[in-house]
Amino acid sequence: MYEKRKILVEKAFEKAKKELKKENASKNYVAEYLSAHLEGLHDSARSGKNFVRYYTDLVEKKQDRYIDEITQDQLSKYIGYKDYEDFCNNFNFTRKINDSTTFKFSINDDEDSVTGKLSKILITVSNSPVFNLPEFFTKQSNLGIIGVVLCGSLIVGTRFIKSKEDTSQKGLGIFESPKQCMYWNGKEYIPEHCNNTKAGLIAIDTRLVANFKKITRPDTIRSVKGVWYSKYQNRVEFFTADGKNPDNQKELHPVTERILEKYTQ
């Protein structure tokens, strides 16, 4: 579980730095931003000091540290996943071999490390490989053991190749392509495969999936910070991020104290 928590915190800090447009921002500055941002989205969040401790221990000291389930879910949603379980099941590790070939694999939540239960590793090979697989895996740190098993699987089993002209997944049916579309379910955006017949599918926007939700209980809103609203036919609806109301395509506006007092009591 340590590696999952480490990556979760690391990716959250990376995203925060990009949003702040300050790649050299201190971890304290980023931590305070994360705390304020998550509190705006979820009404409550850990303090900046907590996020500093998470980053210091997990990323810098490379030692495990407990993170409560609510915070794990909040951070997972922040970086584009439905919750922590979704992050654990779908986060992809990528190893670029050369300009034309990339290995991409993920390990489910019940693994303790990259070298955990190898039978659950998912691989996608982009383009035709032009390298010696055994040599590559034995030279890569943390991939030596995996390499032996993968090479055997590739030789005995099936090659999984995706060419530039044909991006469809090939293999034994256990390799699922990433969800590149999404739909609005009335409360939030849900990732979905683009070949699904569900109505209302649009190209996925991980920012919206992670941050854009309808606030179904306006009486729980305690601050105008991080809240937007739309008014259509005398109906006011509140959301956790800027954009458009998916139900009527009306532009959203930042909530003011007057709106808050008038429509959330």
C-alpha atoms as a PDB file:
ATOM      1  CA  MET A   1       0.000   0.000   0.000  1.00  0.00           C
ATOM      2  CA  TYR A   2       2.954   2.346   0.545  1.00  0.00           C
ATOM      3  CA  GLU A   3       3.680   2.757  -3.175  1.00  0.00           C
ATOM      4  CA  LYS A   4       0.052   3.592  -3.947  1.00  0.00           C
ATOM      5  CA  ARG A   5      -0.085   6.257  -1.252  1.00  0.00           C
ATOM      6  CA  LYS A   6       3.285   7.650  -2.329  1.00  0.00           C
ATOM      7  CA  ILE A   7       2.175   7.982  -5.953  1.00  0.00           C
ATOM      8  CA  LEU A   8      -1.189   9.441  -4.928  1.00  0.00           C
ATOM      9  CA  VAL A   9       0.425  12.219  -2.890  1.00  0.00           C
ATOM     10  CA  GLU A  10       3.150  12.811  -5.479  1.00  0.00           C
ATOM     11  CA  LYS A  11       0.639  13.184  -8.332  1.00  0.00           C
ATOM     12  CA  ALA A  12      -1.589  15.467  -6.257  1.00  0.00           C
ATOM     13  CA  PHE A  13       1.346  17.783  -5.523  1.00  0.00           C
ATOM     14  CA  GLU A  14       2.376  17.740  -9.204  1.00  0.00           C
ATOM     15  CA  LYS A  15      -1.129  18.740 -10.293  1.00  0.00           C
ATOM     16  CA  ALA A  16      -1.331  21.462  -7.643  1.00  0.00           C
ATOM     17  CA  LYS A  17       1.954  22.969  -8.851  1.00  0.00           C
ATOM     18  CA  LYS A  18       0.621  23.065 -12.409  1.00  0.00           C
ATOM     19  CA  GLU A  19      -2.579  24.763 -11.294  1.00  0.00           C
ATOM     20  CA  LEU A  20      -0.568  27.263  -9.284  1.00  0.00           C
ATOM     21  CA  LYS A  21       1.764  27.711 -12.281  1.00  0.00           C
ATOM     22  CA  LYS A  22       4.652  27.564  -9.853  1.00  0.00           C
ATOM     23  CA  GLU A  23       6.810  24.520 -10.543  1.00  0.00           C
ATOM     24  CA  ASN A  24       9.261  25.668  -7.863  1.00  0.00           C
ATOM     25  CA  ALA A  25       6.616  26.270  -5.209  1.00  0.00           C
ATOM     26  CA  SER A  26       7.556  24.971  -1.758  1.00  0.00           C
ATOM     27  CA  LYS A  27       5.821  21.897  -0.426  1.00  0.00           C
ATOM     28  CA  ASN A  28       4.299  24.028   2.348  1.00  0.00           C
ATOM     29  CA  TYR A  29       2.788  26.411  -0.197  1.00  0.00           C
ATOM     30  CA  VAL A  30       1.440  23.541  -2.295  1.00  0.00           C
ATOM     31  CA  ALA A  31       0.114  21.766   0.802  1.00  0.00           C
ATOM     32  CA  GLU A  32      -1.841  24.832   1.912  1.00  0.00           C
ATOM     33  CA  TYR A  33      -3.274  25.183  -1.586  1.00  0.00           C
ATOM     34  CA  LEU A  34      -4.323  21.523  -1.611  1.00  0.00           C
ATOM     35  CA  SER A  35      -5.986  21.863   1.778  1.00  0.00           C
ATOM     36  CA  ALA A  36      -7.949  24.965   0.760  1.00  0.00           C
ATOM     37  CA  HIS A  37      -8.879  23.542  -2.645  1.00  0.00           C
ATOM     38  CA  LEU A  38     -10.139  20.222  -1.264  1.00  0.00           C
ATOM     39  CA  GLU A  39     -12.061  21.989   1.481  1.00  0.00           C
ATOM     40  CA  GLY A  40     -13.769  24.096  -1.158  1.00  0.00           C
ATOM     41  CA  LEU A  41     -14.771  20.967  -3.052  1.00  0.00           C
ATOM     42  CA  HIS A  42     -15.764  18.739  -0.147  1.00  0.00           C
ATOM     43  CA  ASP A  43     -16.566  21.159   2.719  1.00  0.00           C
ATOM     44  CA  SER A  44     -13.765  19.670   4.809  1.00  0.00           C
ATOM     45  CA  ALA A  45     -10.173  18.583   4.313  1.00  0.00           C
ATOM     46  CA  ARG A  46      -6.935  17.869   6.153  1.00  0.00           C
ATOM     47  CA  SER A  47      -4.788  20.860   7.082  1.00  0.00           C
ATOM     48  CA  GLY A  48      -1.790  21.986   5.088  1.00  0.00           C
ATOM     49  CA  LYS A  49       0.467  20.599   7.825  1.00  0.00           C
ATOM     50  CA  ASN A  50      -1.003  17.139   7.277  1.00  0.00           C
ATOM     51  CA  PHE A  51      -0.258  17.277   3.558  1.00  0.00           C
ATOM     52  CA  VAL A  52       3.294  18.427   4.317  1.00  0.00           C
ATOM     53  CA  ARG A  53       3.740  15.350   6.534  1.00  0.00           C
ATOM     54  CA  TYR A  54       2.318  13.053   3.862  1.00  0.00           C
ATOM     55  CA  TYR A  55       4.733  14.419   1.252  1.00  0.00           C
ATOM     56  CA  THR A  56       7.740  14.473   3.575  1.00  0.00           C
ATOM     57  CA  ASP A  57       7.346  10.864   4.711  1.00  0.00           C
ATOM     58  CA  LEU A  58       5.970   9.160   1.606  1.00  0.00           C
ATOM     59  CA  VAL A  59       7.830  11.004  -1.166  1.00  0.00           C
ATOM     60  CA  GLU A  60      10.982  12.442   0.380  1.00  0.00           C
ATOM     61  CA  LYS A  61      11.783   9.929   3.128  1.00  0.00           C
ATOM     62  CA  LYS A  62      10.268   7.004   1.208  1.00  0.00           C
ATOM     63  CA  GLN A  63       8.592   5.621   4.294  1.00  0.00           C
ATOM     64  CA  ASP A  64       4.968   4.659   4.773  1.00  0.00           C
ATOM     65  CA  ARG A  65       2.459   6.932   6.467  1.00  0.00           C
ATOM     66  CA  TYR A  66      -1.222   6.377   7.171  1.00  0.00           C
ATOM     67  CA  ILE A  67      -3.738   8.471   5.219  1.00  0.00           C
ATOM     68  CA  ASP A  68      -7.390   8.275   6.236  1.00  0.00           C
ATOM     69  CA  GLU A  69      -9.904   6.928   3.714  1.00  0.00           C
ATOM     70  CA  ILE A  70     -11.705  10.251   3.217  1.00  0.00           C
ATOM     71  CA  THR A  71      -8.473  12.037   2.317  1.00  0.00           C
ATOM     72  CA  GLN A  72      -7.428   9.174   0.017  1.00  0.00           C
ATOM     73  CA  ASP A  73     -10.742   9.522  -1.842  1.00  0.00           C
ATOM     74  CA  GLN A  74     -10.428  13.320  -2.022  1.00  0.00           C
ATOM     75  CA  LEU A  75      -6.899  13.159  -3.446  1.00  0.00           C
ATOM     76  CA  SER A  76      -7.908  10.432  -5.911  1.00  0.00           C
ATOM     77  CA  LYS A  77     -10.807  12.543  -7.207  1.00  0.00           C
ATOM     78  CA  TYR A  78      -8.502  15.543  -7.435  1.00  0.00           C
ATOM     79  CA  ILE A  79      -6.125  13.770  -9.825  1.00  0.00           C
ATOM     80  CA  GLY A  80      -8.921  12.387 -11.994  1.00  0.00           C
ATOM     81  CA  TYR A  81     -10.278   9.209 -10.460  1.00  0.00           C
ATOM     82  CA  LYS A  82     -13.700   8.349  -9.030  1.00  0.00           C
ATOM     83  CA  ASP A  83     -12.264   7.399  -5.646  1.00  0.00           C
ATOM     84  CA  TYR A  84      -9.219   5.720  -4.079  1.00  0.00           C
ATOM     85  CA  GLU A  85     -10.310   2.244  -5.174  1.00  0.00           C
ATOM     86  CA  ASP A  86     -10.619   3.450  -8.765  1.00  0.00           C
ATOM     87  CA  PHE A  87      -7.149   5.013  -8.509  1.00  0.00           C
ATOM     88  CA  CYS A  88      -5.655   1.765  -7.200  1.00  0.00           C
ATOM     89  CA  ASN A  89      -7.303  -0.286  -9.930  1.00  0.00           C
ATOM     90  CA  ASN A  90      -6.608   2.008 -12.874  1.00  0.00           C
ATOM     91  CA  PHE A  91      -3.455   4.020 -12.251  1.00  0.00           C
ATOM     92  CA  ASN A  92      -0.971   3.178 -15.001  1.00  0.00           C
ATOM     93  CA  PHE A  93       2.794   2.910 -14.710  1.00  0.00           C
ATOM     94  CA  THR A  94       4.515   3.736 -17.987  1.00  0.00           C
ATOM     95  CA  ARG A  95       7.971   2.769 -19.210  1.00  0.00           C
ATOM     96  CA  LYS A  96       9.043   4.338 -22.515  1.00  0.00           C
ATOM     97  CA  ILE A  97      11.490   2.134 -24.386  1.00  0.00           C
ATOM     98  CA  ASN A  98      12.147   4.327 -27.404  1.00  0.00           C
ATOM     99  CA  ASP A  99      10.266   6.793 -29.616  1.00  0.00           C
ATOM    100  CA  SER A 100       8.023   4.053 -30.982  1.00  0.00           C
ATOM    101  CA  THR A 101       7.507   1.644 -28.087  1.00  0.00           C
ATOM    102  CA  THR A 102       5.998   2.040 -24.627  1.00  0.00           C
ATOM    103  CA  PHE A 103       5.138  -0.456 -21.896  1.00  0.00           C
ATOM    104  CA  LYS A 104       2.151   0.483 -19.779  1.00  0.00           C
ATOM    105  CA  PHE A 105       0.945  -1.557 -16.810  1.00  0.00           C
ATOM    106  CA  SER A 106      -1.114  -1.224 -13.658  1.00  0.00           C
ATOM    107  CA  ILE A 107      -1.458  -3.282 -10.507  1.00  0.00           C
ATOM    108  CA  ASN A 108      -4.663  -3.656  -8.536  1.00  0.00           C
ATOM    109  CA  ASP A 109      -5.167  -2.477  -4.972  1.00  0.00           C
ATOM    110  CA  ASP A 110      -4.313  -5.799  -3.336  1.00  0.00           C
ATOM    111  CA  GLU A 111      -0.674  -5.547  -4.428  1.00  0.00           C
ATOM    112  CA  ASP A 112       1.997  -4.275  -2.047  1.00  0.00           C
ATOM    113  CA  SER A 113       4.472  -3.229  -4.739  1.00  0.00           C
ATOM    114  CA  VAL A 114       5.271  -3.251  -8.421  1.00  0.00           C
ATOM    115  CA  THR A 115       6.733  -6.720  -7.974  1.00  0.00           C
ATOM    116  CA  GLY A 116       3.570  -8.025  -6.255  1.00  0.00           C
ATOM    117  CA  LYS A 117       1.163 -10.473  -7.845  1.00  0.00           C
ATOM    118  CA  LEU A 118       2.418 -10.564 -11.404  1.00  0.00           C
ATOM    119  CA  SER A 119      -0.601 -12.366 -12.743  1.00  0.00           C
ATOM    120  CA  LYS A 120      -2.617  -9.152 -12.500  1.00  0.00           C
ATOM    121  CA  ILE A 121      -0.227  -6.920 -14.446  1.00  0.00           C
ATOM    122  CA  LEU A 122      -1.825  -5.355 -17.513  1.00  0.00           C
ATOM    123  CA  ILE A 123       0.412  -4.467 -20.448  1.00  0.00           C
ATOM    124  CA  THR A 124      -0.031  -2.493 -23.616  1.00  0.00           C
ATOM    125  CA  VAL A 125       2.808  -2.390 -26.118  1.00  0.00           C
ATOM    126  CA  SER A 126       2.626   0.573 -28.484  1.00  0.00           C
ATOM    127  CA  ASN A 127       4.064  -0.100 -31.964  1.00  0.00           C
ATOM    128  CA  SER A 128       6.379  -2.957 -32.916  1.00  0.00           C
ATOM    129  CA  PRO A 129       9.139  -3.473 -30.355  1.00  0.00           C
ATOM    130  CA  VAL A 130      12.663  -3.216 -31.740  1.00  0.00           C
ATOM    131  CA  PHE A 131      14.592  -4.244 -28.669  1.00  0.00           C
ATOM    132  CA  ASN A 132      15.655  -7.343 -26.809  1.00  0.00           C
ATOM    133  CA  LEU A 133      12.961  -7.987 -24.163  1.00  0.00           C
ATOM    134  CA  PRO A 134      15.022 -10.130 -21.774  1.00  0.00           C
ATOM    135  CA  GLU A 135      17.899  -7.651 -21.891  1.00  0.00           C
ATOM    136  CA  PHE A 136      15.564  -4.697 -21.330  1.00  0.00           C
ATOM    137  CA  PHE A 137      13.813  -6.166 -18.313  1.00  0.00           C
ATOM    138  CA  THR A 138      16.966  -7.365 -16.618  1.00  0.00           C
ATOM    139  CA  LYS A 139      18.475  -3.892 -16.902  1.00  0.00           C
ATOM    140  CA  GLN A 140      15.480  -1.954 -15.550  1.00  0.00           C
ATOM    141  CA  SER A 141      15.350  -1.328 -11.813  1.00  0.00           C
ATOM    142  CA  ASN A 142      12.265  -2.783 -10.100  1.00  0.00           C
ATOM    143  CA  LEU A 143      11.431  -4.675 -13.292  1.00  0.00           C
ATOM    144  CA  GLY A 144      13.875  -7.569 -13.197  1.00  0.00           C
ATOM    145  CA  ILE A 145      11.495 -10.084 -11.666  1.00  0.00           C
ATOM    146  CA  ILE A 146       8.589  -8.785 -13.674  1.00  0.00           C
ATOM    147  CA  GLY A 147      10.655  -9.009 -16.840  1.00  0.00           C
ATOM    148  CA  VAL A 148      11.296 -12.721 -16.487  1.00  0.00           C
ATOM    149  CA  VAL A 149       7.602 -13.477 -16.129  1.00  0.00           C
ATOM    150  CA  LEU A 150       6.519 -11.062 -18.830  1.00  0.00           C
ATOM    151  CA  CYS A 151       9.001 -12.327 -21.355  1.00  0.00           C
ATOM    152  CA  GLY A 152       7.843 -15.880 -20.767  1.00  0.00           C
ATOM    153  CA  SER A 153       4.219 -14.803 -21.082  1.00  0.00           C
ATOM    154  CA  LEU A 154       4.882 -12.944 -24.304  1.00  0.00           C
ATOM    155  CA  ILE A 155       6.783 -15.839 -25.854  1.00  0.00           C
ATOM    156  CA  VAL A 156       4.389 -18.595 -24.813  1.00  0.00           C
ATOM    157  CA  GLY A 157       1.242 -16.506 -25.115  1.00  0.00           C
ATOM    158  CA  THR A 158       0.325 -13.674 -27.452  1.00  0.00           C
ATOM    159  CA  ARG A 159       2.052 -10.495 -28.548  1.00  0.00           C
ATOM    160  CA  PHE A 160       0.066  -7.408 -27.672  1.00  0.00           C
ATOM    161  CA  ILE A 161       0.808  -4.779 -30.286  1.00  0.00           C
ATOM    162  CA  LYS A 162      -0.850  -1.488 -31.093  1.00  0.00           C
ATOM    163  CA  SER A 163       0.280   0.181 -34.336  1.00  0.00           C
ATOM    164  CA  LYS A 164      -0.049   3.868 -35.168  1.00  0.00           C
ATOM    165  CA  GLU A 165      -2.544   3.041 -37.906  1.00  0.00           C
ATOM    166  CA  ASP A 166      -4.649   0.678 -35.751  1.00  0.00           C
ATOM    167  CA  THR A 167      -5.129   1.783 -32.154  1.00  0.00           C
ATOM    168  CA  SER A 168      -7.450  -1.085 -31.257  1.00  0.00           C
ATOM    169  CA  GLN A 169      -6.349  -3.392 -28.434  1.00  0.00           C
ATOM    170  CA  LYS A 170      -5.266  -6.905 -29.424  1.00  0.00           C
ATOM    171  CA  GLY A 171      -4.723  -9.906 -27.211  1.00  0.00           C
ATOM    172  CA  LEU A 172      -6.602 -12.435 -25.147  1.00  0.00           C
ATOM    173  CA  GLY A 173      -9.463 -10.121 -24.174  1.00  0.00           C
ATOM    174  CA  ILE A 174      -8.095  -9.252 -20.725  1.00  0.00           C
ATOM    175  CA  PHE A 175      -6.578  -5.950 -21.835  1.00  0.00           C
ATOM    176  CA  GLU A 176      -9.151  -3.194 -21.553  1.00  0.00           C
ATOM    177  CA  SER A 177      -8.547   0.097 -23.318  1.00  0.00           C
ATOM    178  CA  PRO A 178      -8.805   3.267 -21.197  1.00  0.00           C
ATOM    179  CA  LYS A 179     -12.118   5.078 -21.030  1.00  0.00           C
ATOM    180  CA  GLN A 180     -11.856   8.038 -23.373  1.00  0.00           C
ATOM    181  CA  CYS A 181     -15.430   9.313 -23.041  1.00  0.00           C
ATOM    182  CA  MET A 182     -17.710  10.365 -20.198  1.00  0.00           C
ATOM    183  CA  TYR A 183     -21.361  11.107 -19.500  1.00  0.00           C
ATOM    184  CA  TRP A 184     -23.302  13.222 -17.006  1.00  0.00           C
ATOM    185  CA  ASN A 185     -25.457  11.165 -14.624  1.00  0.00           C
ATOM    186  CA  GLY A 186     -27.225  14.145 -13.119  1.00  0.00           C
ATOM    187  CA  LYS A 187     -24.721  14.580 -10.298  1.00  0.00           C
ATOM    188  CA  GLU A 188     -21.251  14.059 -11.773  1.00  0.00           C
ATOM    189  CA  TYR A 189     -19.333  12.993 -14.894  1.00  0.00           C
ATOM    190  CA  ILE A 190     -18.700   9.241 -15.189  1.00  0.00           C
ATOM    191  CA  PRO A 191     -15.889   7.827 -17.422  1.00  0.00           C
ATOM    192  CA  GLU A 192     -17.111   5.406 -20.082  1.00  0.00           C
ATOM    193  CA  HIS A 193     -15.861   3.623 -23.185  1.00  0.00           C
ATOM    194  CA  CYS A 194     -16.632   5.581 -26.345  1.00  0.00           C
ATOM    195  CA  ASN A 195     -18.110   2.529 -28.094  1.00  0.00           C
ATOM    196  CA  ASN A 196     -20.826   2.270 -25.451  1.00  0.00           C
ATOM    197  CA  THR A 197     -24.314   3.038 -26.754  1.00  0.00           C
ATOM    198  CA  LYS A 198     -25.164   5.203 -23.746  1.00  0.00           C
ATOM    199  CA  ALA A 199     -26.664   8.530 -24.783  1.00  0.00           C
ATOM    200  CA  GLY A 200     -24.850  11.764 -24.038  1.00  0.00           C
ATOM    201  CA  LEU A 201     -21.274  10.480 -24.339  1.00  0.00           C
ATOM    202  CA  ILE A 202     -18.677  13.205 -24.860  1.00  0.00           C
ATOM    203  CA  ALA A 203     -14.872  13.260 -24.929  1.00  0.00           C
ATOM    204  CA  ILE A 204     -13.469  12.758 -21.452  1.00  0.00           C
ATOM    205  CA  ASP A 205     -12.147  15.713 -19.475  1.00  0.00           C
ATOM    206  CA  THR A 206     -10.329  14.421 -16.398  1.00  0.00           C
ATOM    207  CA  ARG A 207     -10.594  17.841 -14.755  1.00  0.00           C
ATOM    208  CA  LEU A 208     -14.377  17.685 -14.921  1.00  0.00           C
ATOM    209  CA  VAL A 209     -14.467  14.051 -13.809  1.00  0.00           C
ATOM    210  CA  ALA A 210     -12.386  14.894 -10.753  1.00  0.00           C
ATOM    211  CA  ASN A 211     -13.740  18.274  -9.740  1.00  0.00           C
ATOM    212  CA  PHE A 212     -17.132  19.010 -11.306  1.00  0.00           C
ATOM    213  CA  LYS A 213     -20.076  17.854  -9.165  1.00  0.00           C
ATOM    214  CA  LYS A 214     -23.603  19.095  -8.558  1.00  0.00           C
ATOM    215  CA  ILE A 215     -24.199  20.085  -4.944  1.00  0.00           C
ATOM    216  CA  THR A 216     -27.441  18.257  -4.225  1.00  0.00           C
ATOM    217  CA  ARG A 217     -27.845  19.735  -0.747  1.00  0.00           C
ATOM    218  CA  PRO A 218     -27.361  23.516  -0.986  1.00  0.00           C
ATOM    219  CA  ASP A 219     -28.056  23.823   2.750  1.00  0.00           C
ATOM    220  CA  THR A 220     -24.636  22.260   3.377  1.00  0.00           C
ATOM    221  CA  ILE A 221     -22.782  25.105   1.608  1.00  0.00           C
ATOM    222  CA  ARG A 222     -20.868  27.095   4.199  1.00  0.00           C
ATOM    223  CA  SER A 223     -18.765  29.394   2.042  1.00  0.00           C
ATOM    224  CA  VAL A 224     -18.845  31.065  -1.366  1.00  0.00           C
ATOM    225  CA  LYS A 225     -15.308  29.816  -1.997  1.00  0.00           C
ATOM    226  CA  GLY A 226     -15.095  27.113  -4.650  1.00  0.00           C
ATOM    227  CA  VAL A 227     -18.831  27.162  -5.438  1.00  0.00           C
ATOM    228  CA  TRP A 228     -20.558  28.154  -8.695  1.00  0.00           C
ATOM    229  CA  TYR A 229     -24.220  28.390  -9.656  1.00  0.00           C
ATOM    230  CA  SER A 230     -26.612  28.651 -12.598  1.00  0.00           C
ATOM    231  CA  LYS A 231     -30.115  30.103 -12.659  1.00  0.00           C
ATOM    232  CA  TYR A 232     -32.577  28.902 -15.277  1.00  0.00           C
ATOM    233  CA  GLN A 233     -36.367  29.253 -15.225  1.00  0.00           C
ATOM    234  CA  ASN A 234     -36.202  30.439 -11.601  1.00  0.00           C
ATOM    235  CA  ARG A 235     -34.276  27.341 -10.577  1.00  0.00           C
ATOM    236  CA  VAL A 236     -30.863  27.787  -8.991  1.00  0.00           C
ATOM    237  CA  GLU A 237     -28.372  24.898  -8.954  1.00  0.00           C
ATOM    238  CA  PHE A 238     -24.919  24.781  -7.384  1.00  0.00           C
ATOM    239  CA  PHE A 239     -21.693  23.114  -8.545  1.00  0.00           C
ATOM    240  CA  THR A 240     -18.168  22.540  -7.244  1.00  0.00           C
ATOM    241  CA  ALA A 241     -16.317  23.939 -10.274  1.00  0.00           C
ATOM    242  CA  ASP A 242     -16.697  26.516 -13.032  1.00  0.00           C
ATOM    243  CA  GLY A 243     -18.085  25.643 -16.463  1.00  0.00           C
ATOM    244  CA  LYS A 244     -21.611  25.043 -17.764  1.00  0.00           C
ATOM    245  CA  ASN A 245     -24.636  23.378 -16.238  1.00  0.00           C
ATOM    246  CA  PRO A 246     -24.678  20.019 -18.080  1.00  0.00           C
ATOM    247  CA  ASP A 247     -28.480  19.841 -17.877  1.00  0.00           C
ATOM    248  CA  ASN A 248     -29.195  23.114 -19.712  1.00  0.00           C
ATOM    249  CA  GLN A 249     -25.769  24.388 -20.889  1.00  0.00           C
ATOM    250  CA  LYS A 250     -26.147  27.637 -18.948  1.00  0.00           C
ATOM    251  CA  GLU A 251     -22.926  29.372 -17.944  1.00  0.00           C
ATOM    252  CA  LEU A 252     -22.005  29.084 -14.278  1.00  0.00           C
ATOM    253  CA  HIS A 253     -21.157  32.080 -12.092  1.00  0.00           C
ATOM    254  CA  PRO A 254     -19.255  32.361  -8.807  1.00  0.00           C
ATOM    255  CA  VAL A 255     -21.568  32.260  -5.812  1.00  0.00           C
ATOM    256  CA  THR A 256     -21.903  35.559  -3.967  1.00  0.00           C
ATOM    257  CA  GLU A 257     -22.931  36.140  -0.369  1.00  0.00           C
ATOM    258  CA  ARG A 258     -26.307  37.397  -1.584  1.00  0.00           C
ATOM    259  CA  ILE A 259     -26.936  34.248  -3.650  1.00  0.00           C
ATOM    260  CA  LEU A 260     -25.769  32.105  -0.780  1.00  0.00           C
ATOM    261  CA  GLU A 261     -28.130  33.776   1.670  1.00  0.00           C
ATOM    262  CA  LYS A 262     -31.100  33.807  -0.704  1.00  0.00           C
ATOM    263  CA  TYR A 263     -30.997  30.286  -2.134  1.00  0.00           C
ATOM    264  CA  THR A 264     -29.289  28.017   0.413  1.00  0.00           C
ATOM    265  CA  GLN A 265     -31.372  28.648   3.505  1.00  0.00           C
END
